[in-house]
Amino acid sequence: MLQWTLTFLLIAVVAAVFGFGGIAVAAAGIARILFFIFLILFIASLMSGLIRRA
């Protein structure tokens, strides 16, 4: 999932450089959403691993 986030971030940067504002904003929004989903799943996985060890 982190790979998809980086892909959409790269698309947003390239689109912004070439002046496609709408595409850049959409890709950056998707990248942000995917990053937060990845972060939540990572923290949940970390917490479940700590609970199993205890």
PDB file of N, CA and C in Angstrom:
ATOM      1  N   MET A   1       0.825  -1.184   0.000  1.00  0.00           N
ATOM      2  CA  MET A   1       0.000   0.000   0.000  1.00  0.00           C
ATOM      3  C   MET A   1       0.877   1.257   0.000  1.00  0.00           C
ATOM      4  N   LEU A   2       2.004   1.176   0.666  1.00  0.00           N
ATOM      5  CA  LEU A   2       2.910   2.322   0.673  1.00  0.00           C
ATOM      6  C   LEU A   2       3.452   2.585  -0.731  1.00  0.00           C
ATOM      7  N   GLN A   3       3.601   1.536  -1.512  1.00  0.00           N
ATOM      8  CA  GLN A   3       4.062   1.703  -2.886  1.00  0.00           C
ATOM      9  C   GLN A   3       3.028   2.482  -3.709  1.00  0.00           C
ATOM     10  N   TRP A   4       1.747   2.209  -3.504  1.00  0.00           N
ATOM     11  CA  TRP A   4       0.708   2.951  -4.215  1.00  0.00           C
ATOM     12  C   TRP A   4       0.727   4.420  -3.803  1.00  0.00           C
ATOM     13  N   THR A   5       0.961   4.670  -2.516  1.00  0.00           N
ATOM     14  CA  THR A   5       1.038   6.048  -2.037  1.00  0.00           C
ATOM     15  C   THR A   5       2.157   6.798  -2.736  1.00  0.00           C
ATOM     16  N   LEU A   6       3.317   6.175  -2.810  1.00  0.00           N
ATOM     17  CA  LEU A   6       4.455   6.820  -3.467  1.00  0.00           C
ATOM     18  C   LEU A   6       4.199   7.002  -4.961  1.00  0.00           C
ATOM     19  N   THR A   7       3.497   6.061  -5.584  1.00  0.00           N
ATOM     20  CA  THR A   7       3.173   6.175  -7.003  1.00  0.00           C
ATOM     21  C   THR A   7       2.265   7.379  -7.260  1.00  0.00           C
ATOM     22  N   PHE A   8       1.210   7.520  -6.456  1.00  0.00           N
ATOM     23  CA  PHE A   8       0.308   8.649  -6.639  1.00  0.00           C
ATOM     24  C   PHE A   8       0.986   9.970  -6.294  1.00  0.00           C
ATOM     25  N   LEU A   9       1.899   9.963  -5.323  1.00  0.00           N
ATOM     26  CA  LEU A   9       2.647  11.170  -5.003  1.00  0.00           C
ATOM     27  C   LEU A   9       3.535  11.574  -6.174  1.00  0.00           C
ATOM     28  N   LEU A  10       4.174  10.611  -6.807  1.00  0.00           N
ATOM     29  CA  LEU A  10       5.007  10.895  -7.969  1.00  0.00           C
ATOM     30  C   LEU A  10       4.166  11.428  -9.131  1.00  0.00           C
ATOM     31  N   ILE A  11       2.992  10.840  -9.338  1.00  0.00           N
ATOM     32  CA  ILE A  11       2.086  11.328 -10.381  1.00  0.00           C
ATOM     33  C   ILE A  11       1.674  12.766 -10.095  1.00  0.00           C
ATOM     34  N   ALA A  12       1.403  13.074  -8.830  1.00  0.00           N
ATOM     35  CA  ALA A  12       1.004  14.434  -8.457  1.00  0.00           C
ATOM     36  C   ALA A  12       2.122  15.428  -8.722  1.00  0.00           C
ATOM     37  N   VAL A  13       3.351  15.052  -8.399  1.00  0.00           N
ATOM     38  CA  VAL A  13       4.477  15.955  -8.615  1.00  0.00           C
ATOM     39  C   VAL A  13       4.710  16.185 -10.106  1.00  0.00           C
ATOM     40  N   VAL A  14       4.670  15.126 -10.889  1.00  0.00           N
ATOM     41  CA  VAL A  14       4.877  15.254 -12.333  1.00  0.00           C
ATOM     42  C   VAL A  14       3.753  16.089 -12.959  1.00  0.00           C
ATOM     43  N   ALA A  15       2.519  15.850 -12.545  1.00  0.00           N
ATOM     44  CA  ALA A  15       1.396  16.620 -13.087  1.00  0.00           C
ATOM     45  C   ALA A  15       1.506  18.090 -12.694  1.00  0.00           C
ATOM     46  N   ALA A  16       1.973  18.367 -11.487  1.00  0.00           N
ATOM     47  CA  ALA A  16       2.134  19.754 -11.057  1.00  0.00           C
ATOM     48  C   ALA A  16       3.228  20.452 -11.859  1.00  0.00           C
ATOM     49  N   VAL A  17       4.303  19.743 -12.149  1.00  0.00           N
ATOM     50  CA  VAL A  17       5.391  20.325 -12.930  1.00  0.00           C
ATOM     51  C   VAL A  17       4.914  20.694 -14.330  1.00  0.00           C
ATOM     52  N   PHE A  18       4.091  19.855 -14.930  1.00  0.00           N
ATOM     53  CA  PHE A  18       3.614  20.114 -16.283  1.00  0.00           C
ATOM     54  C   PHE A  18       2.373  21.006 -16.313  1.00  0.00           C
ATOM     55  N   GLY A  19       1.886  21.422 -15.150  1.00  0.00           N
ATOM     56  CA  GLY A  19       0.797  22.386 -15.108  1.00  0.00           C
ATOM     57  C   GLY A  19      -0.597  21.806 -15.109  1.00  0.00           C
ATOM     58  N   PHE A  20      -0.743  20.536 -14.868  1.00  0.00           N
ATOM     59  CA  PHE A  20      -2.072  19.928 -14.787  1.00  0.00           C
ATOM     60  C   PHE A  20      -2.545  20.000 -13.340  1.00  0.00           C
ATOM     61  N   GLY A  21      -3.114  21.115 -12.960  1.00  0.00           N
ATOM     62  CA  GLY A  21      -3.484  21.363 -11.569  1.00  0.00           C
ATOM     63  C   GLY A  21      -4.516  20.404 -11.018  1.00  0.00           C
ATOM     64  N   GLY A  22      -5.560  20.133 -11.796  1.00  0.00           N
ATOM     65  CA  GLY A  22      -6.624  19.254 -11.305  1.00  0.00           C
ATOM     66  C   GLY A  22      -6.148  17.835 -11.074  1.00  0.00           C
ATOM     67  N   ILE A  23      -5.353  17.340 -11.987  1.00  0.00           N
ATOM     68  CA  ILE A  23      -4.816  15.979 -11.845  1.00  0.00           C
ATOM     69  C   ILE A  23      -3.865  15.916 -10.667  1.00  0.00           C
ATOM     70  N   ALA A  24      -3.062  16.956 -10.481  1.00  0.00           N
ATOM     71  CA  ALA A  24      -2.101  16.981  -9.380  1.00  0.00           C
ATOM     72  C   ALA A  24      -2.816  16.973  -8.032  1.00  0.00           C
ATOM     73  N   VAL A  25      -3.873  17.754  -7.921  1.00  0.00           N
ATOM     74  CA  VAL A  25      -4.627  17.811  -6.664  1.00  0.00           C
ATOM     75  C   VAL A  25      -5.297  16.475  -6.381  1.00  0.00           C
ATOM     76  N   ALA A  26      -5.874  15.856  -7.400  1.00  0.00           N
ATOM     77  CA  ALA A  26      -6.545  14.567  -7.217  1.00  0.00           C
ATOM     78  C   ALA A  26      -5.545  13.483  -6.815  1.00  0.00           C
ATOM     79  N   ALA A  27      -4.408  13.428  -7.494  1.00  0.00           N
ATOM     80  CA  ALA A  27      -3.406  12.411  -7.174  1.00  0.00           C
ATOM     81  C   ALA A  27      -2.825  12.632  -5.785  1.00  0.00           C
ATOM     82  N   ALA A  28      -2.621  13.888  -5.403  1.00  0.00           N
ATOM     83  CA  ALA A  28      -2.102  14.171  -4.060  1.00  0.00           C
ATOM     84  C   ALA A  28      -3.130  13.783  -2.997  1.00  0.00           C
ATOM     85  N   GLY A  29      -4.397  13.997  -3.272  1.00  0.00           N
ATOM     86  CA  GLY A  29      -5.446  13.594  -2.331  1.00  0.00           C
ATOM     87  C   GLY A  29      -5.508  12.089  -2.163  1.00  0.00           C
ATOM     88  N   ILE A  30      -5.400  11.370  -3.256  1.00  0.00           N
ATOM     89  CA  ILE A  30      -5.399   9.907  -3.187  1.00  0.00           C
ATOM     90  C   ILE A  30      -4.171   9.421  -2.422  1.00  0.00           C
ATOM     91  N   ALA A  31      -3.022  10.028  -2.683  1.00  0.00           N
ATOM     92  CA  ALA A  31      -1.793   9.635  -1.980  1.00  0.00           C
ATOM     93  C   ALA A  31      -1.932   9.875  -0.485  1.00  0.00           C
ATOM     94  N   ARG A  32      -2.546  10.993  -0.115  1.00  0.00           N
ATOM     95  CA  ARG A  32      -2.724  11.305   1.310  1.00  0.00           C
ATOM     96  C   ARG A  32      -3.646  10.293   1.981  1.00  0.00           C
ATOM     97  N   ILE A  33      -4.746   9.954   1.324  1.00  0.00           N
ATOM     98  CA  ILE A  33      -5.686   8.978   1.883  1.00  0.00           C
ATOM     99  C   ILE A  33      -5.017   7.613   2.044  1.00  0.00           C
ATOM    100  N   LEU A  34      -4.304   7.168   1.012  1.00  0.00           N
ATOM    101  CA  LEU A  34      -3.629   5.870   1.089  1.00  0.00           C
ATOM    102  C   LEU A  34      -2.560   5.854   2.171  1.00  0.00           C
ATOM    103  N   PHE A  35      -1.863   6.982   2.349  1.00  0.00           N
ATOM    104  CA  PHE A  35      -0.845   7.049   3.394  1.00  0.00           C
ATOM    105  C   PHE A  35      -1.465   6.897   4.775  1.00  0.00           C
ATOM    106  N   PHE A  36      -2.576   7.568   5.017  1.00  0.00           N
ATOM    107  CA  PHE A  36      -3.208   7.464   6.326  1.00  0.00           C
ATOM    108  C   PHE A  36      -3.781   6.064   6.565  1.00  0.00           C
ATOM    109  N   ILE A  37      -4.317   5.439   5.532  1.00  0.00           N
ATOM    110  CA  ILE A  37      -4.786   4.058   5.681  1.00  0.00           C
ATOM    111  C   ILE A  37      -3.613   3.145   6.009  1.00  0.00           C
ATOM    112  N   PHE A  38      -2.484   3.322   5.303  1.00  0.00           N
ATOM    113  CA  PHE A  38      -1.290   2.537   5.584  1.00  0.00           C
ATOM    114  C   PHE A  38      -0.829   2.766   7.015  1.00  0.00           C
ATOM    115  N   LEU A  39      -0.830   4.004   7.458  1.00  0.00           N
ATOM    116  CA  LEU A  39      -0.370   4.327   8.807  1.00  0.00           C
ATOM    117  C   LEU A  39      -1.258   3.682   9.867  1.00  0.00           C
ATOM    118  N   ILE A  40      -2.570   3.728   9.669  1.00  0.00           N
ATOM    119  CA  ILE A  40      -3.501   3.116  10.621  1.00  0.00           C
ATOM    120  C   ILE A  40      -3.307   1.603  10.656  1.00  0.00           C
ATOM    121  N   LEU A  41      -3.165   0.972   9.494  1.00  0.00           N
ATOM    122  CA  LEU A  41      -2.960  -0.476   9.463  1.00  0.00           C
ATOM    123  C   LEU A  41      -1.625  -0.864  10.081  1.00  0.00           C
ATOM    124  N   PHE A  42      -0.600  -0.046   9.874  1.00  0.00           N
ATOM    125  CA  PHE A  42       0.705  -0.320  10.471  1.00  0.00           C
ATOM    126  C   PHE A  42       0.636  -0.245  11.992  1.00  0.00           C
ATOM    127  N   ILE A  43      -0.010   0.768  12.525  1.00  0.00           N
ATOM    128  CA  ILE A  43      -0.135   0.914  13.980  1.00  0.00           C
ATOM    129  C   ILE A  43      -0.972  -0.225  14.555  1.00  0.00           C
ATOM    130  N   ALA A  44      -2.047  -0.611  13.872  1.00  0.00           N
ATOM    131  CA  ALA A  44      -2.872  -1.723  14.343  1.00  0.00           C
ATOM    132  C   ALA A  44      -2.068  -3.020  14.345  1.00  0.00           C
ATOM    133  N   SER A  45      -1.268  -3.245  13.332  1.00  0.00           N
ATOM    134  CA  SER A  45      -0.431  -4.434  13.271  1.00  0.00           C
ATOM    135  C   SER A  45       0.615  -4.425  14.378  1.00  0.00           C
ATOM    136  N   LEU A  46       1.200  -3.277  14.618  1.00  0.00           N
ATOM    137  CA  LEU A  46       2.195  -3.143  15.677  1.00  0.00           C
ATOM    138  C   LEU A  46       1.584  -3.417  17.047  1.00  0.00           C
ATOM    139  N   MET A  47       0.403  -2.871  17.277  1.00  0.00           N
ATOM    140  CA  MET A  47      -0.272  -3.068  18.570  1.00  0.00           C
ATOM    141  C   MET A  47      -0.682  -4.531  18.763  1.00  0.00           C
ATOM    142  N   SER A  48      -1.171  -5.182  17.706  1.00  0.00           N
ATOM    143  CA  SER A  48      -1.575  -6.574  17.852  1.00  0.00           C
ATOM    144  C   SER A  48      -0.352  -7.459  18.102  1.00  0.00           C
ATOM    145  N   GLY A  49       0.774  -7.122  17.527  1.00  0.00           N
ATOM    146  CA  GLY A  49       2.000  -7.878  17.800  1.00  0.00           C
ATOM    147  C   GLY A  49       2.461  -7.707  19.235  1.00  0.00           C
ATOM    148  N   LEU A  50       2.313  -6.514  19.762  1.00  0.00           N
ATOM    149  CA  LEU A  50       2.702  -6.274  21.159  1.00  0.00           C
ATOM    150  C   LEU A  50       1.757  -6.970  22.134  1.00  0.00           C
ATOM    151  N   ILE A  51       0.468  -7.032  21.791  1.00  0.00           N
ATOM    152  CA  ILE A  51      -0.511  -7.688  22.655  1.00  0.00           C
ATOM    153  C   ILE A  51      -0.269  -9.197  22.684  1.00  0.00           C
ATOM    154  N   ARG A  52       0.093  -9.783  21.541  1.00  0.00           N
ATOM    155  CA  ARG A  52       0.347 -11.217  21.498  1.00  0.00           C
ATOM    156  C   ARG A  52       1.564 -11.617  22.329  1.00  0.00           C
ATOM    157  N   ARG A  53       2.564 -10.756  22.388  1.00  0.00           N
ATOM    158  CA  ARG A  53       3.759 -11.063  23.155  1.00  0.00           C
ATOM    159  C   ARG A  53       3.527 -10.984  24.656  1.00  0.00           C
ATOM    160  N   ALA A  54       2.559 -10.188  25.077  1.00  0.00           N
ATOM    161  CA  ALA A  54       2.321  -9.980  26.506  1.00  0.00           C
ATOM    162  C   ALA A  54       1.566 -11.106  27.153  1.00  0.00           C
TER     163      ALA A  54
END
